[in-house]
C-alpha atoms as a PDB file:
ATOM      1  CA  UNK A   1     -12.698  27.157 -32.182  1.00  0.00           C
ATOM      2  CA  UNK A   2     -13.246  27.319 -28.477  1.00  0.00           C
ATOM      3  CA  UNK A   3     -12.520  24.056 -26.675  1.00  0.00           C
ATOM      4  CA  UNK A   4     -12.967  22.582 -23.283  1.00  0.00           C
ATOM      5  CA  UNK A   5     -10.683  19.672 -22.786  1.00  0.00           C
ATOM      6  CA  UNK A   6     -11.225  17.585 -19.755  1.00  0.00           C
ATOM      7  CA  UNK A   7     -10.879  13.874 -18.468  1.00  0.00           C
ATOM      8  CA  UNK A   8     -13.231  11.415 -19.754  1.00  0.00           C
ATOM      9  CA  UNK A   9     -16.405  11.008 -18.209  1.00  0.00           C
ATOM     10  CA  UNK A  10     -19.035   8.398 -18.551  1.00  0.00           C
ATOM     11  CA  UNK A  11     -20.995  10.619 -21.075  1.00  0.00           C
ATOM     12  CA  UNK A  12     -18.244  10.446 -23.344  1.00  0.00           C
ATOM     13  CA  UNK A  13     -17.589   6.718 -23.740  1.00  0.00           C
ATOM     14  CA  UNK A  14     -20.286   5.962 -26.660  1.00  0.00           C
ATOM     15  CA  UNK A  15     -18.905   8.756 -28.639  1.00  0.00           C
ATOM     16  CA  UNK A  16     -15.450   7.626 -28.447  1.00  0.00           C
ATOM     17  CA  UNK A  17     -16.225   4.176 -29.112  1.00  0.00           C
ATOM     18  CA  UNK A  18     -18.124   5.569 -32.343  1.00  0.00           C
ATOM     19  CA  UNK A  19     -15.198   7.293 -33.457  1.00  0.00           C
ATOM     20  CA  UNK A  20     -12.672   4.442 -32.778  1.00  0.00           C
ATOM     21  CA  UNK A  21     -11.629   1.599 -34.985  1.00  0.00           C
ATOM     22  CA  UNK A  22     -13.770  -1.307 -34.645  1.00  0.00           C
ATOM     23  CA  UNK A  23     -13.053  -3.136 -31.246  1.00  0.00           C
ATOM     24  CA  UNK A  24     -10.685  -0.582 -29.876  1.00  0.00           C
ATOM     25  CA  UNK A  25     -11.362   0.456 -27.170  1.00  0.00           C
ATOM     26  CA  UNK A  26     -14.086  -1.457 -25.947  1.00  0.00           C
ATOM     27  CA  UNK A  27     -17.064   0.335 -23.785  1.00  0.00           C
ATOM     28  CA  UNK A  28     -16.461  -1.532 -20.973  1.00  0.00           C
ATOM     29  CA  UNK A  29     -12.776  -0.663 -20.687  1.00  0.00           C
ATOM     30  CA  UNK A  30     -13.466   2.858 -21.309  1.00  0.00           C
ATOM     31  CA  UNK A  31     -15.935   2.823 -18.560  1.00  0.00           C
ATOM     32  CA  UNK A  32     -13.646   1.273 -16.106  1.00  0.00           C
ATOM     33  CA  UNK A  33     -10.980   4.010 -16.828  1.00  0.00           C
ATOM     34  CA  UNK A  34     -13.729   6.740 -16.007  1.00  0.00           C
ATOM     35  CA  UNK A  35     -12.978   5.977 -11.945  1.00  0.00           C
ATOM     36  CA  UNK A  36      -9.536   4.582 -11.984  1.00  0.00           C
ATOM     37  CA  UNK A  37      -7.351   6.415 -14.719  1.00  0.00           C
ATOM     38  CA  UNK A  38      -5.451   7.849 -12.091  1.00  0.00           C
ATOM     39  CA  UNK A  39      -4.257   4.585 -10.557  1.00  0.00           C
ATOM     40  CA  UNK A  40      -3.848   3.291 -13.936  1.00  0.00           C
ATOM     41  CA  UNK A  41      -2.061   6.026 -14.878  1.00  0.00           C
ATOM     42  CA  UNK A  42      -3.900   5.598 -18.352  1.00  0.00           C
ATOM     43  CA  UNK A  43      -5.531   8.950 -19.000  1.00  0.00           C
ATOM     44  CA  UNK A  44      -7.820   9.592 -21.628  1.00  0.00           C
ATOM     45  CA  UNK A  45      -8.723  13.806 -22.786  1.00  0.00           C
ATOM     46  CA  UNK A  46     -11.801  14.673 -24.406  1.00  0.00           C
ATOM     47  CA  UNK A  47     -12.298  17.745 -26.365  1.00  0.00           C
ATOM     48  CA  UNK A  48     -16.078  19.264 -26.777  1.00  0.00           C
ATOM     49  CA  UNK A  49     -16.996  22.551 -28.386  1.00  0.00           C
ATOM     50  CA  UNK A  50     -18.156  25.481 -26.310  1.00  0.00           C
ATOM     51  CA  UNK A  51     -21.921  24.135 -26.683  1.00  0.00           C
ATOM     52  CA  UNK A  52     -20.967  20.791 -25.787  1.00  0.00           C
ATOM     53  CA  UNK A  53     -20.596  18.934 -28.893  1.00  0.00           C
ATOM     54  CA  UNK A  54     -18.124  15.704 -29.065  1.00  0.00           C
ATOM     55  CA  UNK A  55     -14.867  17.298 -30.915  1.00  0.00           C
ATOM     56  CA  UNK A  56     -12.709  14.094 -30.028  1.00  0.00           C
ATOM     57  CA  UNK A  57     -10.095  12.655 -27.959  1.00  0.00           C
ATOM     58  CA  UNK A  58      -6.792  11.236 -26.966  1.00  0.00           C
ATOM     59  CA  UNK A  59      -5.842   7.947 -24.982  1.00  0.00           C
ATOM     60  CA  UNK A  60      -2.780   6.780 -23.503  1.00  0.00           C
ATOM     61  CA  UNK A  61      -1.609   4.100 -21.389  1.00  0.00           C
ATOM     62  CA  UNK A  62       1.645   2.897 -19.390  1.00  0.00           C
ATOM     63  CA  UNK A  63       4.085   0.867 -21.678  1.00  0.00           C
ATOM     64  CA  UNK A  64       3.361  -3.197 -21.224  1.00  0.00           C
ATOM     65  CA  UNK A  65       5.964  -5.764 -20.676  1.00  0.00           C
ATOM     66  CA  UNK A  66       4.390  -9.141 -22.167  1.00  0.00           C
ATOM     67  CA  UNK A  67       0.928  -7.630 -21.897  1.00  0.00           C
ATOM     68  CA  UNK A  68       1.774  -6.253 -17.979  1.00  0.00           C
ATOM     69  CA  UNK A  69       1.218  -2.561 -17.453  1.00  0.00           C
ATOM     70  CA  UNK A  70       4.256  -1.059 -16.258  1.00  0.00           C
ATOM     71  CA  UNK A  71       2.926   2.406 -14.616  1.00  0.00           C
ATOM     72  CA  UNK A  72       5.958   3.357 -12.536  1.00  0.00           C
ATOM     73  CA  UNK A  73       8.085   3.293 -15.422  1.00  0.00           C
ATOM     74  CA  UNK A  74       9.017   6.089 -17.657  1.00  0.00           C
ATOM     75  CA  UNK A  75       7.367   5.689 -20.865  1.00  0.00           C
ATOM     76  CA  UNK A  76       3.788   6.051 -21.753  1.00  0.00           C
ATOM     77  CA  UNK A  77       2.250   5.419 -25.073  1.00  0.00           C
ATOM     78  CA  UNK A  78      -0.235   7.494 -27.058  1.00  0.00           C
ATOM     79  CA  UNK A  79      -2.618   4.714 -28.115  1.00  0.00           C
ATOM     80  CA  UNK A  80      -5.024   6.847 -30.055  1.00  0.00           C
ATOM     81  CA  UNK A  81      -5.983  10.511 -30.950  1.00  0.00           C
ATOM     82  CA  UNK A  82      -8.892  11.100 -33.119  1.00  0.00           C
ATOM     83  CA  UNK A  83     -10.995  14.346 -34.378  1.00  0.00           C
ATOM     84  CA  UNK A  84     -14.582  14.041 -35.537  1.00  0.00           C
ATOM     85  CA  UNK A  85     -15.045  14.749 -39.240  1.00  0.00           C
ATOM     86  CA  UNK A  86     -16.448  17.983 -38.872  1.00  0.00           C
ATOM     87  CA  UNK A  87     -13.890  19.460 -36.605  1.00  0.00           C
ATOM     88  CA  UNK A  88     -10.883  18.400 -38.431  1.00  0.00           C
ATOM     89  CA  UNK A  89      -7.864  20.958 -39.532  1.00  0.00           C
ATOM     90  CA  UNK A  90      -9.048  23.416 -36.962  1.00  0.00           C
ATOM     91  CA  UNK A  91      -6.334  22.848 -34.131  1.00  0.00           C
ATOM     92  CA  UNK A  92      -8.410  20.180 -32.060  1.00  0.00           C
ATOM     93  CA  UNK A  93      -5.702  17.584 -32.508  1.00  0.00           C
ATOM     94  CA  UNK A  94      -2.914  19.745 -31.557  1.00  0.00           C
ATOM     95  CA  UNK A  95      -4.856  20.867 -28.397  1.00  0.00           C
ATOM     96  CA  UNK A  96      -5.997  17.149 -27.416  1.00  0.00           C
ATOM     97  CA  UNK A  97      -1.970  16.128 -27.971  1.00  0.00           C
ATOM     98  CA  UNK A  98      -0.826  19.187 -25.920  1.00  0.00           C
ATOM     99  CA  UNK A  99      -3.389  18.337 -23.155  1.00  0.00           C
ATOM    100  CA  UNK A 100      -2.465  14.675 -23.133  1.00  0.00           C
ATOM    101  CA  UNK A 101       1.520  15.381 -22.758  1.00  0.00           C
ATOM    102  CA  UNK A 102       0.802  17.689 -20.050  1.00  0.00           C
ATOM    103  CA  UNK A 103      -1.437  14.875 -18.301  1.00  0.00           C
ATOM    104  CA  UNK A 104       1.304  12.281 -18.876  1.00  0.00           C
ATOM    105  CA  UNK A 105       4.164  14.803 -17.678  1.00  0.00           C
ATOM    106  CA  UNK A 106       2.097  15.465 -14.450  1.00  0.00           C
ATOM    107  CA  UNK A 107       1.618  11.736 -13.919  1.00  0.00           C
ATOM    108  CA  UNK A 108       5.299  11.528 -13.600  1.00  0.00           C
ATOM    109  CA  UNK A 109       6.216  10.226 -17.264  1.00  0.00           C
ATOM    110  CA  UNK A 110       9.778  11.073 -18.929  1.00  0.00           C
ATOM    111  CA  UNK A 111       8.529  10.229 -22.371  1.00  0.00           C
ATOM    112  CA  UNK A 112       5.669   9.312 -24.550  1.00  0.00           C
ATOM    113  CA  UNK A 113       5.939   7.023 -27.670  1.00  0.00           C
ATOM    114  CA  UNK A 114       3.356   6.948 -30.414  1.00  0.00           C
ATOM    115  CA  UNK A 115       2.547   4.997 -33.815  1.00  0.00           C
ATOM    116  CA  UNK A 116       1.162   6.028 -37.238  1.00  0.00           C
ATOM    117  CA  UNK A 117       1.174   5.441 -40.770  1.00  0.00           C
ATOM    118  CA  UNK A 118       3.076   7.496 -43.259  1.00  0.00           C
ATOM    119  CA  UNK A 119       0.265   9.881 -43.953  1.00  0.00           C
ATOM    120  CA  UNK A 120       0.312  11.481 -40.365  1.00  0.00           C
ATOM    121  CA  UNK A 121       3.919  11.057 -39.527  1.00  0.00           C
ATOM    122  CA  UNK A 122       4.766  14.523 -40.482  1.00  0.00           C
ATOM    123  CA  UNK A 123       1.989  15.851 -38.196  1.00  0.00           C
ATOM    124  CA  UNK A 124       3.457  14.417 -35.244  1.00  0.00           C
ATOM    125  CA  UNK A 125       7.051  15.359 -36.045  1.00  0.00           C
ATOM    126  CA  UNK A 126       5.997  18.851 -36.353  1.00  0.00           C
ATOM    127  CA  UNK A 127       4.548  18.645 -32.950  1.00  0.00           C
ATOM    128  CA  UNK A 128       7.622  17.508 -31.113  1.00  0.00           C
ATOM    129  CA  UNK A 129       7.771  13.927 -31.852  1.00  0.00           C
ATOM    130  CA  UNK A 130      11.068  12.137 -33.049  1.00  0.00           C
ATOM    131  CA  UNK A 131      10.444   9.994 -35.758  1.00  0.00           C
ATOM    132  CA  UNK A 132      12.036   6.551 -36.240  1.00  0.00           C
ATOM    133  CA  UNK A 133      12.873   5.299 -39.793  1.00  0.00           C
ATOM    134  CA  UNK A 134       9.954   2.900 -41.160  1.00  0.00           C
ATOM    135  CA  UNK A 135      10.426  -0.712 -39.589  1.00  0.00           C
ATOM    136  CA  UNK A 136      12.757   0.339 -36.860  1.00  0.00           C
ATOM    137  CA  UNK A 137      11.552   0.641 -33.264  1.00  0.00           C
ATOM    138  CA  UNK A 138      13.391   1.448 -29.901  1.00  0.00           C
ATOM    139  CA  UNK A 139      14.535  -0.781 -27.071  1.00  0.00           C
ATOM    140  CA  UNK A 140      15.565   0.539 -23.846  1.00  0.00           C
ATOM    141  CA  UNK A 141      16.587  -0.035 -20.101  1.00  0.00           C
ATOM    142  CA  UNK A 142      14.965   2.189 -17.370  1.00  0.00           C
ATOM    143  CA  UNK A 143      16.201   1.991 -13.785  1.00  0.00           C
ATOM    144  CA  UNK A 144      14.875  -0.502 -11.465  1.00  0.00           C
ATOM    145  CA  UNK A 145      11.350   0.005 -10.039  1.00  0.00           C
ATOM    146  CA  UNK A 146       9.613  -2.224  -7.319  1.00  0.00           C
ATOM    147  CA  UNK A 147       7.498  -3.992  -9.787  1.00  0.00           C
ATOM    148  CA  UNK A 148      10.460  -5.475 -11.523  1.00  0.00           C
ATOM    149  CA  UNK A 149      10.856  -7.642  -8.312  1.00  0.00           C
ATOM    150  CA  UNK A 150       8.106  -9.821  -9.584  1.00  0.00           C
ATOM    151  CA  UNK A 151       9.931 -11.206 -12.321  1.00  0.00           C
ATOM    152  CA  UNK A 152      12.382 -13.218  -9.772  1.00  0.00           C
ATOM    153  CA  UNK A 153      10.656 -12.951  -6.388  1.00  0.00           C
ATOM    154  CA  UNK A 154      12.767 -15.681  -4.542  1.00  0.00           C
ATOM    155  CA  UNK A 155      16.118 -13.342  -5.697  1.00  0.00           C
ATOM    156  CA  UNK A 156      17.026 -10.062  -3.748  1.00  0.00           C
ATOM    157  CA  UNK A 157      15.366  -7.041  -4.429  1.00  0.00           C
ATOM    158  CA  UNK A 158      16.941  -5.122  -7.548  1.00  0.00           C
ATOM    159  CA  UNK A 159      18.525  -8.383  -9.003  1.00  0.00           C
ATOM    160  CA  UNK A 160      16.657  -8.019 -12.185  1.00  0.00           C
ATOM    161  CA  UNK A 161      15.047  -5.141 -14.505  1.00  0.00           C
ATOM    162  CA  UNK A 162      13.758  -5.921 -18.084  1.00  0.00           C
ATOM    163  CA  UNK A 163      14.685  -5.024 -21.258  1.00  0.00           C
ATOM    164  CA  UNK A 164      12.003  -2.790 -22.804  1.00  0.00           C
ATOM    165  CA  UNK A 165      10.968  -2.606 -26.184  1.00  0.00           C
ATOM    166  CA  UNK A 166       8.108  -0.832 -28.377  1.00  0.00           C
ATOM    167  CA  UNK A 167       7.588  -2.853 -31.095  1.00  0.00           C
ATOM    168  CA  UNK A 168       5.916  -1.424 -34.442  1.00  0.00           C
ATOM    169  CA  UNK A 169       2.271  -2.436 -35.266  1.00  0.00           C
ATOM    170  CA  UNK A 170       1.851  -3.423 -38.982  1.00  0.00           C
ATOM    171  CA  UNK A 171      -0.763  -1.135 -39.709  1.00  0.00           C
ATOM    172  CA  UNK A 172       1.242   1.862 -38.168  1.00  0.00           C
ATOM    173  CA  UNK A 173       5.003   1.403 -39.213  1.00  0.00           C
ATOM    174  CA  UNK A 174       6.067   4.813 -38.049  1.00  0.00           C
ATOM    175  CA  UNK A 175       7.073   5.359 -34.310  1.00  0.00           C
ATOM    176  CA  UNK A 176       7.710   8.438 -32.769  1.00  0.00           C
ATOM    177  CA  UNK A 177       9.077   9.699 -29.269  1.00  0.00           C
ATOM    178  CA  UNK A 178       8.771  12.927 -27.095  1.00  0.00           C
ATOM    179  CA  UNK A 179      10.697  13.767 -24.274  1.00  0.00           C
ATOM    180  CA  UNK A 180       8.428  14.759 -21.477  1.00  0.00           C
ATOM    181  CA  UNK A 181      10.797  15.144 -18.464  1.00  0.00           C
ATOM    182  CA  UNK A 182      14.430  14.858 -17.614  1.00  0.00           C
ATOM    183  CA  UNK A 183      14.472  11.292 -16.273  1.00  0.00           C
ATOM    184  CA  UNK A 184      16.065   9.237 -19.240  1.00  0.00           C
ATOM    185  CA  UNK A 185      16.705   5.640 -19.822  1.00  0.00           C
ATOM    186  CA  UNK A 186      19.948   4.211 -18.969  1.00  0.00           C
ATOM    187  CA  UNK A 187      20.573   2.996 -22.318  1.00  0.00           C
ATOM    188  CA  UNK A 188      18.735   3.044 -25.614  1.00  0.00           C
ATOM    189  CA  UNK A 189      19.200   1.823 -29.119  1.00  0.00           C
ATOM    190  CA  UNK A 190      17.233   1.240 -32.108  1.00  0.00           C
ATOM    191  CA  UNK A 191      16.315  -1.983 -33.635  1.00  0.00           C
ATOM    192  CA  UNK A 192      14.887  -3.339 -36.955  1.00  0.00           C
ATOM    193  CA  UNK A 193      11.504  -5.275 -36.412  1.00  0.00           C
ATOM    194  CA  UNK A 194      10.659  -8.593 -37.937  1.00  0.00           C
ATOM    195  CA  UNK A 195      10.722 -12.326 -37.750  1.00  0.00           C
ATOM    196  CA  UNK A 196      14.344 -12.030 -35.329  1.00  0.00           C
ATOM    197  CA  UNK A 197      13.365  -8.458 -33.545  1.00  0.00           C
ATOM    198  CA  UNK A 198      13.854  -9.676 -30.031  1.00  0.00           C
ATOM    199  CA  UNK A 199      17.193 -10.937 -31.117  1.00  0.00           C
ATOM    200  CA  UNK A 200      17.789  -7.647 -32.798  1.00  0.00           C
ATOM    201  CA  UNK A 201      16.758  -5.698 -29.906  1.00  0.00           C
ATOM    202  CA  UNK A 202      19.188  -7.378 -27.602  1.00  0.00           C
ATOM    203  CA  UNK A 203      22.009  -7.217 -30.000  1.00  0.00           C
ATOM    204  CA  UNK A 204      21.242  -3.697 -30.450  1.00  0.00           C
ATOM    205  CA  UNK A 205      21.404  -2.926 -26.455  1.00  0.00           C
ATOM    206  CA  UNK A 206      24.345  -5.000 -26.233  1.00  0.00           C
ATOM    207  CA  UNK A 207      26.067  -3.212 -28.706  1.00  0.00           C
ATOM    208  CA  UNK A 208      25.275   0.309 -27.298  1.00  0.00           C
ATOM    209  CA  UNK A 209      26.199  -0.973 -23.467  1.00  0.00           C
ATOM    210  CA  UNK A 210      29.518  -2.154 -25.281  1.00  0.00           C
ATOM    211  CA  UNK A 211      30.102   1.873 -26.068  1.00  0.00           C
ATOM    212  CA  UNK A 212      29.069   2.667 -22.651  1.00  0.00           C
ATOM    213  CA  UNK A 213      30.359   0.473 -19.930  1.00  0.00           C
ATOM    214  CA  UNK A 214      29.809   2.454 -17.210  1.00  0.00           C
ATOM    215  CA  UNK A 215      26.143   1.781 -17.833  1.00  0.00           C
ATOM    216  CA  UNK A 216      26.652  -1.646 -18.277  1.00  0.00           C
ATOM    217  CA  UNK A 217      28.281  -2.054 -14.827  1.00  0.00           C
ATOM    218  CA  UNK A 218      25.442  -0.754 -13.037  1.00  0.00           C
ATOM    219  CA  UNK A 219      22.712  -2.872 -14.488  1.00  0.00           C
ATOM    220  CA  UNK A 220      21.350  -5.712 -12.164  1.00  0.00           C
ATOM    221  CA  UNK A 221      23.046  -8.789 -12.098  1.00  0.00           C
ATOM    222  CA  UNK A 222      20.499 -10.927 -13.549  1.00  0.00           C
ATOM    223  CA  UNK A 223      20.003  -8.754 -16.745  1.00  0.00           C
ATOM    224  CA  UNK A 224      23.481  -8.504 -17.013  1.00  0.00           C
ATOM    225  CA  UNK A 225      23.566 -12.338 -17.109  1.00  0.00           C
ATOM    226  CA  UNK A 226      20.705 -12.519 -19.535  1.00  0.00           C
ATOM    227  CA  UNK A 227      22.658 -10.257 -21.887  1.00  0.00           C
ATOM    228  CA  UNK A 228      25.776 -12.237 -21.370  1.00  0.00           C
ATOM    229  CA  UNK A 229      27.602  -9.024 -20.201  1.00  0.00           C
ATOM    230  CA  UNK A 230      29.849 -11.104 -17.635  1.00  0.00           C
ATOM    231  CA  UNK A 231      32.981 -12.519 -19.191  1.00  0.00           C
ATOM    232  CA  UNK A 232      33.600 -15.756 -18.137  1.00  0.00           C
ATOM    233  CA  UNK A 233      36.200 -16.535 -15.663  1.00  0.00           C
END
């Protein structure tokens, strides 16, 4: 099948909404992305057949910290990949995934994460995603970026960068990661989700840092304090 894959256009919006789960994404959100996706670093790519028939789409966005997007960070999330029923099992999903990954790489992301149910986990694994076990997510710390100064504007620049997490959605219990570039997290660790997920994530990162004291010594002071890495005098 011959496909034409390109960035989202206004003419695609209604067909994407119709193919998506109810309520996500909204028509208004998609329309806003048409002209601003490069600035937001939140691409949506659309596939159409050679005669213009809508085939499917893939949406990605920066990972978030407490609902705040982090477009200058290392990680993007592949939010949705969907193919219209009449075009499935013909390579369209793979083509959309490859185009989305290429776009994210060009936008400067080092990794992309996706979440899915067990039914499609093997499909993603066969296309380069490293799967986490069910119920397990990843926490990590990236190098400081200027956006991090917004956390403590009264502190000197570079005093803090957040511990980042990618929680698992209940309806999509498997998480997969794909490497796009050479920039890597300073430290990362897997943690178990559940009622104590935040504590588990922090404990996992602290344990990983204990094995890499050189990394721990390079963390911003406010983050070191938050993780209780500095021994009391």
